[in-house]
Amino acid sequence: MANPQYRDPFVEGLALFNEGKFFECHEAWEISWQRADGEVRVFLQGLIQAAVAILHAERGNPRGAASVYAKAKAKLDALPENFMGIEVEEFRAALADFFGRVKMEREVPIRPQIRRCG
């Protein structure tokens, strides 16, 4: 459920993601996703899948993480460098680095962050 301190579930999801609350950000973004269409819907689905993939990695499920990350990557790769005020290219690179490290290391690396443009 959306937190009343945020007016927009998308913004709430960003804050929750950057706090490492991946299940909660998924819930917030799903509200926006249900209302969206076109590229916005694809973008939100990619963000949701990225959060779920990180959650799988943190819970020790590298196979599930890789599978969901591949779906998120396909969606996010189809978007421009900046989208909906988000530095998408920077986020894609952070995700690639994170999941590359998940494959190589026994411990989960530092989580990626989402940065707003400007």
N, C-alpha and C. Protein backbone atom coordinates (compact mmCIF):
# COMPACT_ATOMS: atom_id res chain seq x y z
N MET A 1 0.84 -1.19 0.00
CA MET A 1 0.00 0.00 0.00
C MET A 1 0.88 1.24 0.00
N ALA A 2 0.43 2.25 -0.71
CA ALA A 2 1.20 3.48 -0.84
C ALA A 2 1.34 4.20 0.50
N ASN A 3 2.51 4.74 0.75
CA ASN A 3 2.79 5.51 1.95
C ASN A 3 2.24 6.92 1.75
N PRO A 4 1.47 7.45 2.71
CA PRO A 4 0.88 8.78 2.52
C PRO A 4 1.89 9.91 2.41
N GLN A 5 3.17 9.69 2.82
CA GLN A 5 4.15 10.77 2.70
C GLN A 5 4.54 11.02 1.24
N TYR A 6 4.20 10.09 0.36
CA TYR A 6 4.48 10.24 -1.06
C TYR A 6 3.16 10.43 -1.79
N ARG A 7 3.14 11.37 -2.74
CA ARG A 7 1.93 11.61 -3.52
C ARG A 7 1.81 10.63 -4.68
N ASP A 8 2.91 10.12 -5.12
CA ASP A 8 2.96 9.34 -6.34
C ASP A 8 3.60 7.99 -6.04
N PRO A 9 2.92 6.88 -6.39
CA PRO A 9 3.52 5.57 -6.12
C PRO A 9 4.83 5.33 -6.87
N PHE A 10 5.01 6.00 -8.03
CA PHE A 10 6.27 5.87 -8.75
C PHE A 10 7.41 6.46 -7.92
N VAL A 11 7.21 7.65 -7.37
CA VAL A 11 8.22 8.31 -6.54
C VAL A 11 8.45 7.50 -5.27
N GLU A 12 7.38 6.97 -4.70
CA GLU A 12 7.52 6.13 -3.51
C GLU A 12 8.38 4.91 -3.84
N GLY A 13 8.12 4.30 -4.99
CA GLY A 13 8.90 3.13 -5.40
C GLY A 13 10.37 3.45 -5.56
N LEU A 14 10.69 4.62 -6.10
CA LEU A 14 12.09 5.02 -6.24
C LEU A 14 12.77 5.09 -4.88
N ALA A 15 12.10 5.75 -3.93
CA ALA A 15 12.67 5.89 -2.59
C ALA A 15 12.85 4.52 -1.93
N LEU A 16 11.84 3.67 -2.05
CA LEU A 16 11.92 2.34 -1.45
C LEU A 16 13.02 1.51 -2.09
N PHE A 17 13.16 1.59 -3.41
CA PHE A 17 14.23 0.86 -4.10
C PHE A 17 15.59 1.30 -3.55
N ASN A 18 15.80 2.60 -3.48
CA ASN A 18 17.09 3.12 -3.03
C ASN A 18 17.35 2.85 -1.55
N GLU A 19 16.30 2.52 -0.81
CA GLU A 19 16.45 2.11 0.60
C GLU A 19 16.68 0.60 0.71
N GLY A 20 16.64 -0.11 -0.43
CA GLY A 20 16.83 -1.56 -0.41
C GLY A 20 15.58 -2.33 -0.04
N LYS A 21 14.43 -1.68 -0.11
CA LYS A 21 13.15 -2.32 0.20
C LYS A 21 12.50 -2.77 -1.10
N PHE A 22 13.03 -3.87 -1.63
CA PHE A 22 12.67 -4.29 -2.98
C PHE A 22 11.26 -4.85 -3.11
N PHE A 23 10.80 -5.57 -2.11
CA PHE A 23 9.42 -6.06 -2.17
C PHE A 23 8.45 -4.88 -2.10
N GLU A 24 8.73 -3.94 -1.21
CA GLU A 24 7.85 -2.78 -1.03
C GLU A 24 7.84 -1.88 -2.27
N CYS A 25 8.98 -1.70 -2.91
CA CYS A 25 9.00 -0.86 -4.12
C CYS A 25 8.22 -1.54 -5.24
N HIS A 26 8.31 -2.85 -5.31
CA HIS A 26 7.53 -3.60 -6.29
C HIS A 26 6.04 -3.32 -6.10
N GLU A 27 5.59 -3.33 -4.87
CA GLU A 27 4.18 -3.07 -4.56
C GLU A 27 3.78 -1.65 -4.98
N ALA A 28 4.62 -0.67 -4.69
CA ALA A 28 4.31 0.72 -5.06
C ALA A 28 4.28 0.88 -6.57
N TRP A 29 5.29 0.35 -7.27
CA TRP A 29 5.35 0.49 -8.72
C TRP A 29 4.23 -0.25 -9.42
N GLU A 30 3.75 -1.32 -8.81
CA GLU A 30 2.67 -2.06 -9.44
C GLU A 30 1.41 -1.20 -9.57
N ILE A 31 1.20 -0.30 -8.62
CA ILE A 31 0.06 0.62 -8.71
C ILE A 31 0.20 1.48 -9.96
N SER A 32 1.38 2.05 -10.19
CA SER A 32 1.63 2.86 -11.38
C SER A 32 1.55 2.02 -12.64
N TRP A 33 2.12 0.82 -12.60
CA TRP A 33 2.14 -0.08 -13.76
C TRP A 33 0.73 -0.41 -14.23
N GLN A 34 -0.18 -0.65 -13.29
CA GLN A 34 -1.55 -0.99 -13.64
C GLN A 34 -2.25 0.15 -14.39
N ARG A 35 -1.84 1.37 -14.15
CA ARG A 35 -2.45 2.54 -14.78
C ARG A 35 -1.76 2.96 -16.07
N ALA A 36 -0.60 2.39 -16.35
CA ALA A 36 0.25 2.84 -17.46
C ALA A 36 -0.01 2.05 -18.74
N ASP A 37 0.52 2.63 -19.84
CA ASP A 37 0.53 1.90 -21.10
C ASP A 37 1.78 2.31 -21.88
N GLY A 38 2.01 1.63 -22.99
CA GLY A 38 3.14 1.96 -23.87
C GLY A 38 4.48 1.81 -23.19
N GLU A 39 5.40 2.72 -23.53
CA GLU A 39 6.77 2.68 -23.00
C GLU A 39 6.79 2.83 -21.48
N VAL A 40 5.87 3.60 -20.94
CA VAL A 40 5.84 3.78 -19.48
C VAL A 40 5.56 2.45 -18.80
N ARG A 41 4.65 1.70 -19.34
CA ARG A 41 4.32 0.38 -18.78
C ARG A 41 5.52 -0.57 -18.87
N VAL A 42 6.21 -0.55 -20.00
CA VAL A 42 7.41 -1.38 -20.19
C VAL A 42 8.49 -0.97 -19.19
N PHE A 43 8.69 0.33 -19.02
CA PHE A 43 9.68 0.85 -18.09
C PHE A 43 9.38 0.39 -16.67
N LEU A 44 8.14 0.56 -16.25
CA LEU A 44 7.76 0.17 -14.90
C LEU A 44 7.92 -1.33 -14.69
N GLN A 45 7.56 -2.11 -15.68
CA GLN A 45 7.73 -3.55 -15.57
C GLN A 45 9.21 -3.91 -15.46
N GLY A 46 10.06 -3.21 -16.22
CA GLY A 46 11.50 -3.43 -16.12
C GLY A 46 12.04 -3.09 -14.73
N LEU A 47 11.56 -1.99 -14.15
CA LEU A 47 11.98 -1.62 -12.80
C LEU A 47 11.53 -2.66 -11.78
N ILE A 48 10.28 -3.10 -11.91
CA ILE A 48 9.74 -4.12 -11.00
C ILE A 48 10.58 -5.39 -11.10
N GLN A 49 10.87 -5.82 -12.32
CA GLN A 49 11.65 -7.03 -12.50
C GLN A 49 13.07 -6.87 -11.98
N ALA A 50 13.65 -5.69 -12.13
CA ALA A 50 15.00 -5.44 -11.58
C ALA A 50 14.98 -5.59 -10.06
N ALA A 51 13.95 -5.03 -9.43
CA ALA A 51 13.84 -5.13 -7.97
C ALA A 51 13.68 -6.58 -7.54
N VAL A 52 12.85 -7.33 -8.24
CA VAL A 52 12.63 -8.75 -7.91
C VAL A 52 13.93 -9.54 -8.12
N ALA A 53 14.66 -9.24 -9.17
CA ALA A 53 15.92 -9.93 -9.44
C ALA A 53 16.93 -9.69 -8.32
N ILE A 54 17.02 -8.45 -7.85
CA ILE A 54 17.94 -8.13 -6.75
C ILE A 54 17.50 -8.86 -5.48
N LEU A 55 16.21 -8.90 -5.24
CA LEU A 55 15.68 -9.61 -4.08
C LEU A 55 16.06 -11.09 -4.14
N HIS A 56 15.93 -11.71 -5.32
CA HIS A 56 16.35 -13.10 -5.47
C HIS A 56 17.84 -13.25 -5.16
N ALA A 57 18.66 -12.34 -5.67
CA ALA A 57 20.10 -12.40 -5.41
C ALA A 57 20.39 -12.31 -3.92
N GLU A 58 19.72 -11.39 -3.24
CA GLU A 58 19.96 -11.20 -1.81
C GLU A 58 19.47 -12.38 -0.99
N ARG A 59 18.51 -13.10 -1.51
CA ARG A 59 17.98 -14.26 -0.79
C ARG A 59 18.70 -15.56 -1.17
N GLY A 60 19.79 -15.44 -1.93
CA GLY A 60 20.59 -16.61 -2.26
C GLY A 60 20.05 -17.46 -3.38
N ASN A 61 19.31 -16.85 -4.29
CA ASN A 61 18.76 -17.57 -5.44
C ASN A 61 19.35 -16.98 -6.73
N PRO A 62 20.63 -17.27 -7.03
CA PRO A 62 21.26 -16.67 -8.20
C PRO A 62 20.61 -17.08 -9.52
N ARG A 63 20.09 -18.27 -9.58
CA ARG A 63 19.43 -18.73 -10.81
C ARG A 63 18.16 -17.91 -11.08
N GLY A 64 17.34 -17.73 -10.05
CA GLY A 64 16.13 -16.91 -10.17
C GLY A 64 16.49 -15.46 -10.48
N ALA A 65 17.55 -14.97 -9.84
CA ALA A 65 18.00 -13.60 -10.07
C ALA A 65 18.38 -13.40 -11.53
N ALA A 66 19.15 -14.33 -12.07
CA ALA A 66 19.60 -14.22 -13.46
C ALA A 66 18.42 -14.26 -14.43
N SER A 67 17.47 -15.11 -14.17
CA SER A 67 16.30 -15.25 -15.04
C SER A 67 15.47 -13.97 -15.07
N VAL A 68 15.18 -13.43 -13.89
CA VAL A 68 14.35 -12.22 -13.83
C VAL A 68 15.14 -11.00 -14.33
N TYR A 69 16.45 -10.97 -14.04
CA TYR A 69 17.27 -9.86 -14.54
C TYR A 69 17.27 -9.84 -16.07
N ALA A 70 17.33 -10.98 -16.70
CA ALA A 70 17.31 -11.04 -18.17
C ALA A 70 16.04 -10.39 -18.72
N LYS A 71 14.92 -10.61 -18.07
CA LYS A 71 13.65 -10.01 -18.49
C LYS A 71 13.67 -8.50 -18.27
N ALA A 72 14.19 -8.08 -17.11
CA ALA A 72 14.29 -6.64 -16.83
C ALA A 72 15.22 -5.95 -17.82
N LYS A 73 16.35 -6.58 -18.09
CA LYS A 73 17.35 -6.01 -19.01
C LYS A 73 16.75 -5.80 -20.39
N ALA A 74 16.00 -6.77 -20.89
CA ALA A 74 15.39 -6.65 -22.22
C ALA A 74 14.46 -5.44 -22.27
N LYS A 75 13.72 -5.20 -21.22
CA LYS A 75 12.80 -4.06 -21.20
C LYS A 75 13.56 -2.74 -21.07
N LEU A 76 14.50 -2.69 -20.15
CA LEU A 76 15.24 -1.44 -19.91
C LEU A 76 16.15 -1.08 -21.08
N ASP A 77 16.70 -2.10 -21.76
CA ASP A 77 17.58 -1.84 -22.91
C ASP A 77 16.83 -1.19 -24.07
N ALA A 78 15.52 -1.37 -24.12
CA ALA A 78 14.72 -0.81 -25.22
C ALA A 78 14.38 0.66 -25.01
N LEU A 79 14.77 1.22 -23.88
CA LEU A 79 14.40 2.60 -23.54
C LEU A 79 15.55 3.57 -23.79
N PRO A 80 15.22 4.86 -23.92
CA PRO A 80 16.28 5.86 -24.11
C PRO A 80 17.14 6.02 -22.86
N GLU A 81 18.22 6.75 -23.02
CA GLU A 81 19.19 6.99 -21.95
C GLU A 81 18.55 7.59 -20.70
N ASN A 82 17.64 8.52 -20.89
CA ASN A 82 16.89 9.16 -19.80
C ASN A 82 15.41 8.96 -20.09
N PHE A 83 14.67 8.53 -19.08
CA PHE A 83 13.24 8.28 -19.28
C PHE A 83 12.50 8.55 -17.97
N MET A 84 11.43 9.29 -18.06
CA MET A 84 10.61 9.64 -16.90
C MET A 84 11.45 10.27 -15.78
N GLY A 85 12.44 11.04 -16.18
CA GLY A 85 13.28 11.72 -15.19
C GLY A 85 14.31 10.83 -14.53
N ILE A 86 14.54 9.64 -15.08
CA ILE A 86 15.49 8.68 -14.50
C ILE A 86 16.68 8.50 -15.44
N GLU A 87 17.85 8.41 -14.85
CA GLU A 87 19.09 8.13 -15.59
C GLU A 87 19.12 6.64 -15.92
N VAL A 88 18.39 6.25 -16.95
CA VAL A 88 18.22 4.83 -17.30
C VAL A 88 19.55 4.20 -17.70
N GLU A 89 20.34 4.89 -18.49
CA GLU A 89 21.62 4.32 -18.93
C GLU A 89 22.51 4.02 -17.73
N GLU A 90 22.57 4.93 -16.80
CA GLU A 90 23.37 4.74 -15.59
C GLU A 90 22.83 3.55 -14.78
N PHE A 91 21.51 3.44 -14.69
CA PHE A 91 20.89 2.33 -13.96
C PHE A 91 21.17 0.99 -14.65
N ARG A 92 21.08 0.98 -15.99
CA ARG A 92 21.39 -0.26 -16.72
C ARG A 92 22.82 -0.72 -16.44
N ALA A 93 23.75 0.24 -16.44
CA ALA A 93 25.15 -0.09 -16.17
C ALA A 93 25.33 -0.61 -14.74
N ALA A 94 24.65 0.01 -13.79
CA ALA A 94 24.75 -0.43 -12.39
C ALA A 94 24.18 -1.83 -12.22
N LEU A 95 23.06 -2.11 -12.90
CA LEU A 95 22.48 -3.45 -12.85
C LEU A 95 23.42 -4.48 -13.46
N ALA A 96 23.99 -4.16 -14.61
CA ALA A 96 24.92 -5.08 -15.27
C ALA A 96 26.11 -5.38 -14.37
N ASP A 97 26.64 -4.36 -13.73
CA ASP A 97 27.76 -4.54 -12.81
C ASP A 97 27.34 -5.41 -11.62
N PHE A 98 26.18 -5.11 -11.04
CA PHE A 98 25.68 -5.86 -9.90
C PHE A 98 25.53 -7.34 -10.23
N PHE A 99 24.83 -7.64 -11.35
CA PHE A 99 24.58 -9.03 -11.68
C PHE A 99 25.83 -9.74 -12.20
N GLY A 100 26.76 -8.99 -12.78
CA GLY A 100 28.05 -9.58 -13.13
C GLY A 100 28.80 -10.01 -11.88
N ARG A 101 28.72 -9.20 -10.84
CA ARG A 101 29.37 -9.53 -9.57
C ARG A 101 28.66 -10.67 -8.85
N VAL A 102 27.33 -10.72 -8.95
CA VAL A 102 26.58 -11.82 -8.33
C VAL A 102 27.08 -13.14 -8.89
N LYS A 103 27.34 -13.20 -10.19
CA LYS A 103 27.85 -14.42 -10.81
C LYS A 103 29.24 -14.80 -10.29
N MET A 104 30.07 -13.79 -10.03
CA MET A 104 31.48 -14.02 -9.72
C MET A 104 31.77 -14.17 -8.23
N GLU A 105 30.92 -13.61 -7.37
CA GLU A 105 31.23 -13.57 -5.95
C GLU A 105 30.28 -14.45 -5.15
N ARG A 106 30.70 -14.80 -3.97
CA ARG A 106 29.83 -15.57 -3.08
C ARG A 106 28.91 -14.64 -2.29
N GLU A 107 29.32 -13.42 -2.09
CA GLU A 107 28.51 -12.45 -1.35
C GLU A 107 27.79 -11.54 -2.34
N VAL A 108 26.65 -11.03 -1.91
CA VAL A 108 25.90 -10.10 -2.75
C VAL A 108 26.59 -8.74 -2.71
N PRO A 109 26.89 -8.16 -3.88
CA PRO A 109 27.58 -6.87 -3.92
C PRO A 109 26.67 -5.72 -3.49
N ILE A 110 27.24 -4.53 -3.44
CA ILE A 110 26.47 -3.33 -3.09
C ILE A 110 25.36 -3.16 -4.12
N ARG A 111 24.18 -2.86 -3.63
CA ARG A 111 23.01 -2.71 -4.49
C ARG A 111 23.12 -1.49 -5.39
N PRO A 112 22.53 -1.61 -6.61
CA PRO A 112 22.48 -0.44 -7.48
C PRO A 112 21.45 0.56 -6.96
N GLN A 113 21.61 1.80 -7.36
CA GLN A 113 20.68 2.88 -7.00
C GLN A 113 20.07 3.45 -8.26
N ILE A 114 18.91 4.06 -8.12
CA ILE A 114 18.27 4.76 -9.23
C ILE A 114 18.45 6.24 -8.98
N ARG A 115 18.98 6.94 -9.99
CA ARG A 115 19.22 8.38 -9.84
C ARG A 115 18.31 9.13 -10.80
N ARG A 116 17.70 10.18 -10.29
CA ARG A 116 16.86 11.02 -11.11
C ARG A 116 17.72 11.97 -11.94
N CYS A 117 17.23 12.35 -13.10
CA CYS A 117 17.96 13.27 -13.98
C CYS A 117 18.04 14.64 -13.34
N GLY A 118 19.11 15.35 -13.70
CA GLY A 118 19.23 16.75 -13.30
C GLY A 118 19.75 16.92 -11.99
